[in-house]
Amino acid sequence: MVTKEEVKHLSWLVRIDLSDDELERYTLQIEEIIKYLDKLDNIQLEHVKPIVAKKRLSDLRPDEPAGFEGNVLGTKYRKDGFVKGPRMV
């Protein structure tokens, strides 16, 4: 069972403020998701054949690096050519 305190803690971790209505709604939704995942855990797959990929490696596009000309987050978080995220306290 998922408690409101756990959802409140999760919202604090991801820095999202939730109203009391949202907290109630998300608690119920997370509970339903966990119930569904429990159903998926109980599916018997012993008799199911694994899927084999039909594509050959030569059919795939080449993976080549490409430059990016755009401005991802502005100059505020740029440092030495990398994007620096805000510090988490």
Protein backbone atom coordinates (compact mmCIF):
# COMPACT_ATOMS: atom_id res chain seq x y z
CA MET A 1 0.00 0.00 0.00
CA VAL A 2 1.29 3.43 -0.98
CA THR A 3 0.87 6.17 1.62
CA LYS A 4 0.40 9.88 1.09
CA GLU A 5 3.64 10.46 3.00
CA GLU A 6 5.55 8.35 0.45
CA VAL A 7 4.05 10.29 -2.46
CA LYS A 8 4.79 13.56 -0.66
CA HIS A 9 8.41 12.40 -0.23
CA LEU A 10 8.63 11.49 -3.92
CA SER A 11 7.26 14.88 -4.89
CA TRP A 12 9.89 16.52 -2.68
CA LEU A 13 12.64 14.46 -4.35
CA VAL A 14 11.60 15.63 -7.82
CA ARG A 15 10.89 19.17 -6.57
CA ILE A 16 7.18 19.24 -7.43
CA ASP A 17 4.69 20.95 -5.14
CA LEU A 18 1.44 19.00 -4.92
CA SER A 19 -1.89 20.23 -3.63
CA ASP A 20 -3.91 18.00 -1.29
CA ASP A 21 -6.18 16.99 -4.19
CA GLU A 22 -3.21 16.08 -6.39
CA LEU A 23 -1.61 14.16 -3.53
CA GLU A 24 -4.78 12.10 -3.08
CA ARG A 25 -5.17 11.50 -6.83
CA TYR A 26 -1.53 10.51 -7.39
CA THR A 27 -1.55 8.20 -4.39
CA LEU A 28 -4.51 6.30 -5.86
CA GLN A 29 -2.97 6.27 -9.34
CA ILE A 30 0.37 4.93 -8.10
CA GLU A 31 -1.49 2.27 -6.13
CA GLU A 32 -3.32 1.16 -9.32
CA ILE A 33 -0.06 1.09 -11.29
CA ILE A 34 1.58 -1.12 -8.67
CA LYS A 35 -1.43 -3.50 -8.72
CA TYR A 36 -1.11 -3.76 -12.51
CA LEU A 37 2.63 -4.43 -12.29
CA ASP A 38 1.91 -7.18 -9.74
CA LYS A 39 -0.42 -8.79 -12.31
CA LEU A 40 2.33 -8.65 -14.93
CA ASP A 41 4.76 -10.31 -12.50
CA ASN A 42 2.42 -13.31 -12.22
CA ILE A 43 2.18 -14.03 -15.96
CA GLN A 44 3.50 -17.50 -16.83
CA LEU A 45 5.96 -17.28 -19.75
CA GLU A 46 7.61 -20.70 -19.71
CA HIS A 47 5.80 -21.85 -22.88
CA VAL A 48 6.29 -18.60 -24.83
CA LYS A 49 9.05 -18.57 -27.42
CA PRO A 50 11.40 -15.57 -27.32
CA ILE A 51 11.18 -13.03 -30.14
CA VAL A 52 14.14 -13.08 -32.49
CA ALA A 53 15.23 -9.89 -34.21
CA LYS A 54 14.67 -9.98 -37.95
CA LYS A 55 16.99 -7.08 -38.87
CA ARG A 56 20.62 -7.52 -39.70
CA LEU A 57 23.16 -5.09 -38.35
CA SER A 58 23.91 -3.95 -41.90
CA ASP A 59 20.25 -2.82 -42.28
CA LEU A 60 20.62 -0.20 -39.55
CA ARG A 61 21.73 3.36 -40.16
CA PRO A 62 25.29 4.25 -39.22
CA ASP A 63 25.66 5.79 -35.79
CA GLU A 64 27.66 8.94 -36.39
CA PRO A 65 28.07 11.88 -34.01
CA ALA A 66 26.74 15.21 -35.18
CA GLY A 67 27.21 18.69 -33.81
CA PHE A 68 24.38 20.66 -32.27
CA GLU A 69 24.02 24.29 -33.25
CA GLY A 70 21.11 25.18 -30.95
CA ASN A 71 21.12 26.67 -27.49
CA VAL A 72 20.00 23.97 -25.04
CA LEU A 73 19.58 25.89 -21.80
CA GLY A 74 20.96 29.28 -22.69
CA THR A 75 24.35 30.41 -21.51
CA LYS A 76 23.42 30.25 -17.84
CA TYR A 77 24.34 26.58 -17.44
CA ARG A 78 27.11 26.32 -20.03
CA LYS A 79 30.55 25.41 -18.72
CA ASP A 80 33.54 24.30 -20.80
CA GLY A 81 31.35 23.22 -23.72
CA PHE A 82 29.09 21.08 -21.51
CA VAL A 83 25.62 21.68 -20.10
CA LYS A 84 25.77 21.95 -16.34
CA GLY A 85 22.56 21.20 -14.46
CA PRO A 86 21.44 23.14 -11.41
CA ARG A 87 22.85 21.96 -8.09
CA MET A 88 20.58 19.70 -6.04
CA VAL A 89 20.68 20.48 -2.33
